[in-house]
């Protein structure tokens, strides 16, 4: 069993979609083994998205991610990184497959409701950014 990081972004939290997104996760045989609601500082957002610092969208992404609370989660399951990315859908909600989180709830490329790690290596780094080992449960 592997783990990955999931973030329910400000647009989805604001629209009270945490429960619906969690239900989709759990119905797809993924287990939520850690979860908390936080408000990122601009410094935290910039550190978390540092990989994108040279891209044109970096400043807007960081401003968006501090615009309201987010829910950070650790998900556990078989092939969790690829399976969760499949469940999330394409970055642009209008290109996302039917019955994915982003097709159902995403508003735009920026306000696409969720983030998920893109590799096992990044999942480990991203999880450690938000969680200590004492906060992660599950078998």
Protein backbone atom coordinates (compact mmCIF):
# COMPACT_ATOMS: atom_id res chain seq x y z
CA UNK A 1 0.00 0.00 0.00
CA UNK A 2 1.29 3.43 -1.00
CA UNK A 3 0.42 6.94 0.17
CA UNK A 4 -0.12 10.22 -1.65
CA UNK A 5 -0.99 13.78 -0.74
CA UNK A 6 -4.34 15.27 -1.62
CA UNK A 7 -5.32 18.90 -1.18
CA UNK A 8 -8.91 20.03 -1.33
CA UNK A 9 -8.36 23.56 -2.62
CA UNK A 10 -9.96 26.84 -1.47
CA UNK A 11 -12.69 26.84 -4.13
CA UNK A 12 -13.99 23.42 -3.03
CA UNK A 13 -13.69 24.18 0.70
CA UNK A 14 -15.59 27.46 0.19
CA UNK A 15 -18.36 25.57 -1.64
CA UNK A 16 -18.60 23.01 1.20
CA UNK A 17 -17.54 20.05 -0.97
CA UNK A 18 -15.18 18.33 1.48
CA UNK A 19 -17.65 15.56 2.31
CA UNK A 20 -18.58 14.92 -1.31
CA UNK A 21 -14.93 14.72 -2.38
CA UNK A 22 -14.12 12.45 0.58
CA UNK A 23 -17.01 10.20 -0.42
CA UNK A 24 -15.64 9.90 -3.96
CA UNK A 25 -12.21 9.04 -2.55
CA UNK A 26 -13.58 6.37 -0.23
CA UNK A 27 -15.93 4.86 -2.82
CA UNK A 28 -12.87 4.34 -5.03
CA UNK A 29 -11.19 2.14 -2.40
CA UNK A 30 -8.80 4.82 -1.16
CA UNK A 31 -8.39 5.33 2.56
CA UNK A 32 -7.97 8.75 4.20
CA UNK A 33 -5.29 8.15 6.86
CA UNK A 34 -4.67 11.81 7.79
CA UNK A 35 -6.65 14.99 7.26
CA UNK A 36 -6.62 18.56 8.53
CA UNK A 37 -7.87 21.99 7.54
CA UNK A 38 -5.26 24.74 7.41
CA UNK A 39 -4.69 28.22 6.05
CA UNK A 40 -1.40 28.52 4.16
CA UNK A 41 0.81 31.57 4.55
CA UNK A 42 2.24 33.11 1.38
CA UNK A 43 5.67 31.77 2.44
CA UNK A 44 4.28 28.23 2.80
CA UNK A 45 2.54 28.41 -0.58
CA UNK A 46 5.71 29.65 -2.26
CA UNK A 47 7.79 26.88 -0.63
CA UNK A 48 5.26 24.18 -1.52
CA UNK A 49 4.99 25.28 -5.17
CA UNK A 50 8.70 26.14 -5.50
CA UNK A 51 8.99 23.71 -8.43
CA UNK A 52 6.81 26.16 -10.43
CA UNK A 53 8.60 29.38 -9.35
CA UNK A 54 9.80 30.20 -12.87
CA UNK A 55 6.40 29.71 -14.49
CA UNK A 56 4.07 32.56 -15.39
CA UNK A 57 1.25 31.25 -13.18
CA UNK A 58 3.33 30.92 -9.98
CA UNK A 59 2.24 34.17 -8.27
CA UNK A 60 -1.44 33.67 -9.13
CA UNK A 61 -1.29 30.05 -7.92
CA UNK A 62 0.24 31.07 -4.59
CA UNK A 63 -2.30 33.90 -4.11
CA UNK A 64 -5.15 31.49 -4.88
CA UNK A 65 -3.85 28.83 -2.47
CA UNK A 66 -3.80 31.36 0.41
CA UNK A 67 -7.24 32.79 -0.45
CA UNK A 68 -9.02 30.51 2.01
CA UNK A 69 -8.65 27.33 4.03
CA UNK A 70 -7.54 24.10 2.38
CA UNK A 71 -7.87 20.50 3.50
CA UNK A 72 -4.66 18.49 3.29
CA UNK A 73 -4.94 14.72 3.34
CA UNK A 74 -2.83 11.60 3.18
CA UNK A 75 -4.48 8.89 1.11
CA UNK A 76 -3.49 5.25 1.19
CA UNK A 77 -4.23 2.51 -1.31
CA UNK A 78 -2.99 0.30 -4.08
CA UNK A 79 -1.18 2.30 -6.82
CA UNK A 80 -2.52 5.34 -4.98
CA UNK A 81 -0.62 8.03 -6.90
CA UNK A 82 -1.90 6.94 -10.32
CA UNK A 83 -5.34 5.91 -9.06
CA UNK A 84 -5.92 9.23 -7.30
CA UNK A 85 -4.70 11.20 -10.31
CA UNK A 86 -7.18 9.24 -12.42
CA UNK A 87 -9.97 10.07 -9.97
CA UNK A 88 -8.98 13.77 -9.94
CA UNK A 89 -9.19 14.09 -13.74
CA UNK A 90 -7.41 16.48 -16.09
CA UNK A 91 -6.12 19.81 -14.73
CA UNK A 92 -8.63 21.67 -16.92
CA UNK A 93 -12.07 20.55 -15.69
CA UNK A 94 -13.53 20.92 -19.20
CA UNK A 95 -11.07 18.24 -20.39
CA UNK A 96 -11.59 15.93 -17.41
CA UNK A 97 -13.24 12.54 -17.88
CA UNK A 98 -16.81 12.18 -16.66
CA UNK A 99 -17.26 11.32 -12.97
CA UNK A 100 -13.87 12.66 -11.93
CA UNK A 101 -13.53 15.16 -9.10
CA UNK A 102 -12.53 17.97 -11.43
CA UNK A 103 -15.28 17.26 -13.98
CA UNK A 104 -17.89 17.37 -11.22
CA UNK A 105 -16.56 20.22 -9.09
CA UNK A 106 -13.77 22.11 -10.87
CA UNK A 107 -14.53 25.66 -12.00
CA UNK A 108 -11.41 26.45 -14.06
CA UNK A 109 -7.80 25.43 -14.58
CA UNK A 110 -6.85 27.34 -11.43
CA UNK A 111 -9.96 26.58 -9.37
CA UNK A 112 -9.96 22.86 -10.12
CA UNK A 113 -10.86 21.79 -6.58
CA UNK A 114 -8.03 19.31 -5.82
CA UNK A 115 -4.31 18.68 -5.96
CA UNK A 116 -2.61 15.30 -5.92
CA UNK A 117 1.04 14.28 -5.92
CA UNK A 118 2.39 13.38 -9.36
CA UNK A 119 4.88 10.68 -8.31
CA UNK A 120 5.75 8.45 -5.34
CA UNK A 121 8.84 10.57 -4.71
CA UNK A 122 6.89 13.84 -4.69
CA UNK A 123 4.16 12.25 -2.57
CA UNK A 124 6.71 11.54 0.17
CA UNK A 125 8.08 15.12 0.01
CA UNK A 126 4.61 16.70 -0.07
CA UNK A 127 3.29 14.57 2.80
CA UNK A 128 6.29 15.52 4.95
CA UNK A 129 5.64 19.20 4.15
CA UNK A 130 2.23 19.05 5.86
CA UNK A 131 2.28 16.09 8.27
CA UNK A 132 4.43 14.52 10.97
CA UNK A 133 4.43 10.73 11.28
CA UNK A 134 2.35 11.10 14.49
CA UNK A 135 -0.54 12.51 12.44
CA UNK A 136 -0.82 9.64 9.94
CA UNK A 137 -2.91 6.62 10.87
CA UNK A 138 -4.08 3.43 9.20
CA UNK A 139 -2.75 -0.07 8.73
